[in-house]
Structure formats: C-alpha cells, structure tokens
C-alpha cells in the first residue's frame, strides 16, 4: 500500500510539472515577415525568454513575456545617451496584442510566419 501511495504521489508531481511547463507558453525559433516587395522585412528569433529582432539591417536584443493575448517586449538599451539608427528598434519596447497559431504569430496584427 505504501508503494502505491508513493507511485501515485510521483505521478501527481510529474503531471503538475508538465502542466506548469505547458502553461509557460514560450516561443522558440524564428518567425519572419517579408515586408512589401522585400522592403521592411523583419525577423524575430525567440530562445527562452530572449528575443532578437532584425530589420532594415539593424538588430536589437531583449526579453519578452506572453500574458494571455498580450506580449511584453523589453529591448536592451546599450547606449542611452546617443541617438542612432538602432533607436528605431526601440519602437518594439512595450506591450502589444498577441496571437499564436501553429505556423505563425501576430504582434499588433502583423503576421510573422514560422521560418524553421
């Protein structure tokens, strides 16, 4: 009887761990929007809680968190004092509408298709 209780307890703990991991809802891989005629193409790469954004020959890194139908992105600011072209990517810093399907995501209504 004690063995059965231990096995059941182990199964319950494993099930709870699986549910907790499944509810994280994180992204992984690369998603892309090819823009119009290739202009304004944007690539988003997710790994863990990190995001890398590449567009217009610029690249920014930051973190993200999904909360229901919203995604909060925080872009690292490497040089707060000087304005540069990289500042264009700071527009990604904030909270946006979010939708996820098997082969694409939408951020503020813009569709990014799974690239890998």
C-alpha atoms as a PDB file:
ATOM      1  CA  UNK A   1       0.000   0.000   0.000  1.00  0.00           C
ATOM      2  CA  UNK A   2       2.839   2.425   0.840  1.00  0.00           C
ATOM      3  CA  UNK A   3       4.417   1.686  -2.539  1.00  0.00           C
ATOM      4  CA  UNK A   4       1.161   2.529  -4.316  1.00  0.00           C
ATOM      5  CA  UNK A   5       0.883   5.849  -2.468  1.00  0.00           C
ATOM      6  CA  UNK A   6       4.483   6.739  -3.406  1.00  0.00           C
ATOM      7  CA  UNK A   7       3.875   5.881  -7.066  1.00  0.00           C
ATOM      8  CA  UNK A   8       0.645   7.892  -7.147  1.00  0.00           C
ATOM      9  CA  UNK A   9       2.375  10.856  -5.473  1.00  0.00           C
ATOM     10  CA  UNK A  10       5.152  10.683  -8.079  1.00  0.00           C
ATOM     11  CA  UNK A  11       2.617  10.585 -10.919  1.00  0.00           C
ATOM     12  CA  UNK A  12       0.764  13.604  -9.487  1.00  0.00           C
ATOM     13  CA  UNK A  13       4.010  15.582  -9.128  1.00  0.00           C
ATOM     14  CA  UNK A  14       5.005  14.713 -12.720  1.00  0.00           C
ATOM     15  CA  UNK A  15       1.578  15.761 -14.023  1.00  0.00           C
ATOM     16  CA  UNK A  16       1.734  19.081 -12.170  1.00  0.00           C
ATOM     17  CA  UNK A  17       5.236  19.742 -13.553  1.00  0.00           C
ATOM     18  CA  UNK A  18       4.034  19.039 -17.102  1.00  0.00           C
ATOM     19  CA  UNK A  19       1.083  21.384 -16.713  1.00  0.00           C
ATOM     20  CA  UNK A  20       3.296  24.110 -15.272  1.00  0.00           C
ATOM     21  CA  UNK A  21       5.722  23.853 -18.190  1.00  0.00           C
ATOM     22  CA  UNK A  22       2.932  23.747 -20.757  1.00  0.00           C
ATOM     23  CA  UNK A  23       1.358  26.890 -19.332  1.00  0.00           C
ATOM     24  CA  UNK A  24       4.568  28.896 -19.840  1.00  0.00           C
ATOM     25  CA  UNK A  25       3.596  29.317 -23.497  1.00  0.00           C
ATOM     26  CA  UNK A  26       7.036  30.468 -24.570  1.00  0.00           C
ATOM     27  CA  UNK A  27       8.151  30.731 -28.166  1.00  0.00           C
ATOM     28  CA  UNK A  28      11.184  29.234 -29.815  1.00  0.00           C
ATOM     29  CA  UNK A  29      12.657  29.561 -33.247  1.00  0.00           C
ATOM     30  CA  UNK A  30      12.479  32.224 -35.899  1.00  0.00           C
ATOM     31  CA  UNK A  31       9.440  33.991 -37.318  1.00  0.00           C
ATOM     32  CA  UNK A  32       9.556  36.342 -40.284  1.00  0.00           C
ATOM     33  CA  UNK A  33       7.526  38.940 -42.102  1.00  0.00           C
ATOM     34  CA  UNK A  34       8.859  39.540 -45.606  1.00  0.00           C
ATOM     35  CA  UNK A  35       7.506  43.095 -45.818  1.00  0.00           C
ATOM     36  CA  UNK A  36       6.284  44.606 -49.087  1.00  0.00           C
ATOM     37  CA  UNK A  37       8.416  43.530 -52.046  1.00  0.00           C
ATOM     38  CA  UNK A  38      11.086  42.570 -49.519  1.00  0.00           C
ATOM     39  CA  UNK A  39      11.246  46.084 -48.064  1.00  0.00           C
ATOM     40  CA  UNK A  40      10.817  46.237 -44.319  1.00  0.00           C
ATOM     41  CA  UNK A  41      11.387  42.509 -43.862  1.00  0.00           C
ATOM     42  CA  UNK A  42      11.574  41.643 -40.166  1.00  0.00           C
ATOM     43  CA  UNK A  43      12.901  38.530 -38.458  1.00  0.00           C
ATOM     44  CA  UNK A  44      12.082  37.681 -34.840  1.00  0.00           C
ATOM     45  CA  UNK A  45      14.111  34.967 -33.104  1.00  0.00           C
ATOM     46  CA  UNK A  46      12.945  33.570 -29.768  1.00  0.00           C
ATOM     47  CA  UNK A  47      15.053  31.477 -27.402  1.00  0.00           C
ATOM     48  CA  UNK A  48      13.957  31.002 -23.806  1.00  0.00           C
ATOM     49  CA  UNK A  49      12.732  34.411 -22.678  1.00  0.00           C
ATOM     50  CA  UNK A  50      15.052  36.232 -25.114  1.00  0.00           C
ATOM     51  CA  UNK A  51      14.090  37.891 -28.395  1.00  0.00           C
ATOM     52  CA  UNK A  52      16.295  39.120 -31.216  1.00  0.00           C
ATOM     53  CA  UNK A  53      14.760  41.487 -33.770  1.00  0.00           C
ATOM     54  CA  UNK A  54      16.375  42.075 -37.164  1.00  0.00           C
ATOM     55  CA  UNK A  55      15.053  44.612 -39.660  1.00  0.00           C
ATOM     56  CA  UNK A  56      16.460  47.211 -42.078  1.00  0.00           C
ATOM     57  CA  UNK A  57      19.971  45.896 -41.406  1.00  0.00           C
ATOM     58  CA  UNK A  58      19.565  46.646 -37.692  1.00  0.00           C
ATOM     59  CA  UNK A  59      19.469  44.214 -34.790  1.00  0.00           C
ATOM     60  CA  UNK A  60      18.187  44.538 -31.234  1.00  0.00           C
ATOM     61  CA  UNK A  61      18.019  42.088 -28.359  1.00  0.00           C
ATOM     62  CA  UNK A  62      15.747  41.977 -25.382  1.00  0.00           C
ATOM     63  CA  UNK A  63      13.371  39.852 -23.357  1.00  0.00           C
ATOM     64  CA  UNK A  64       9.714  39.010 -23.776  1.00  0.00           C
ATOM     65  CA  UNK A  65       6.828  37.662 -21.751  1.00  0.00           C
ATOM     66  CA  UNK A  66       3.475  36.402 -23.011  1.00  0.00           C
ATOM     67  CA  UNK A  67       0.434  37.074 -20.830  1.00  0.00           C
ATOM     68  CA  UNK A  68      -2.759  35.778 -22.441  1.00  0.00           C
ATOM     69  CA  UNK A  69      -3.359  37.765 -25.612  1.00  0.00           C
ATOM     70  CA  UNK A  70      -0.538  40.244 -24.966  1.00  0.00           C
ATOM     71  CA  UNK A  71       3.224  40.145 -25.367  1.00  0.00           C
ATOM     72  CA  UNK A  72       5.509  42.464 -23.422  1.00  0.00           C
ATOM     73  CA  UNK A  73       8.867  43.132 -25.067  1.00  0.00           C
ATOM     74  CA  UNK A  74      11.734  44.938 -23.344  1.00  0.00           C
ATOM     75  CA  UNK A  75      14.579  46.000 -25.618  1.00  0.00           C
ATOM     76  CA  UNK A  76      18.058  46.383 -24.150  1.00  0.00           C
ATOM     77  CA  UNK A  77      19.330  49.943 -24.427  1.00  0.00           C
ATOM     78  CA  UNK A  78      23.070  49.745 -24.972  1.00  0.00           C
ATOM     79  CA  UNK A  79      23.684  53.462 -25.431  1.00  0.00           C
ATOM     80  CA  UNK A  80      21.097  55.657 -23.757  1.00  0.00           C
ATOM     81  CA  UNK A  81      22.955  58.935 -24.317  1.00  0.00           C
ATOM     82  CA  UNK A  82      23.413  58.963 -28.081  1.00  0.00           C
ATOM     83  CA  UNK A  83      20.699  58.754 -30.710  1.00  0.00           C
ATOM     84  CA  UNK A  84      21.369  56.283 -33.514  1.00  0.00           C
ATOM     85  CA  UNK A  85      19.588  54.304 -36.201  1.00  0.00           C
ATOM     86  CA  UNK A  86      19.331  51.479 -33.661  1.00  0.00           C
ATOM     87  CA  UNK A  87      16.842  53.669 -31.779  1.00  0.00           C
ATOM     88  CA  UNK A  88      14.279  52.763 -34.465  1.00  0.00           C
ATOM     89  CA  UNK A  89      14.075  49.318 -32.874  1.00  0.00           C
ATOM     90  CA  UNK A  90      13.055  50.826 -29.536  1.00  0.00           C
ATOM     91  CA  UNK A  91       9.557  51.021 -31.027  1.00  0.00           C
ATOM     92  CA  UNK A  92       9.452  47.300 -30.187  1.00  0.00           C
ATOM     93  CA  UNK A  93       9.724  48.138 -26.483  1.00  0.00           C
ATOM     94  CA  UNK A  94       6.262  47.834 -24.966  1.00  0.00           C
ATOM     95  CA  UNK A  95       3.124  45.715 -24.644  1.00  0.00           C
ATOM     96  CA  UNK A  96       1.334  44.580 -27.798  1.00  0.00           C
ATOM     97  CA  UNK A  97      -1.654  42.474 -28.881  1.00  0.00           C
ATOM     98  CA  UNK A  98      -0.544  38.885 -29.447  1.00  0.00           C
ATOM     99  CA  UNK A  99      -1.914  35.812 -31.211  1.00  0.00           C
ATOM    100  CA  UNK A 100      -0.225  32.437 -31.751  1.00  0.00           C
ATOM    101  CA  UNK A 101      -1.085  29.612 -34.129  1.00  0.00           C
ATOM    102  CA  UNK A 102       0.923  26.530 -35.133  1.00  0.00           C
ATOM    103  CA  UNK A 103       2.773  28.161 -38.034  1.00  0.00           C
ATOM    104  CA  UNK A 104       2.613  31.879 -37.291  1.00  0.00           C
ATOM    105  CA  UNK A 105       2.287  34.569 -34.654  1.00  0.00           C
ATOM    106  CA  UNK A 106       0.701  38.016 -34.853  1.00  0.00           C
ATOM    107  CA  UNK A 107       2.003  41.012 -32.959  1.00  0.00           C
ATOM    108  CA  UNK A 108      -0.254  44.069 -33.150  1.00  0.00           C
ATOM    109  CA  UNK A 109      -1.988  42.474 -36.146  1.00  0.00           C
ATOM    110  CA  UNK A 110       1.225  41.910 -38.136  1.00  0.00           C
ATOM    111  CA  UNK A 111       1.712  38.279 -39.139  1.00  0.00           C
ATOM    112  CA  UNK A 112       5.121  36.588 -38.732  1.00  0.00           C
ATOM    113  CA  UNK A 113       5.401  33.108 -40.252  1.00  0.00           C
ATOM    114  CA  UNK A 114       7.473  30.327 -38.682  1.00  0.00           C
ATOM    115  CA  UNK A 115      10.757  30.138 -40.589  1.00  0.00           C
ATOM    116  CA  UNK A 116      12.248  26.989 -39.075  1.00  0.00           C
END
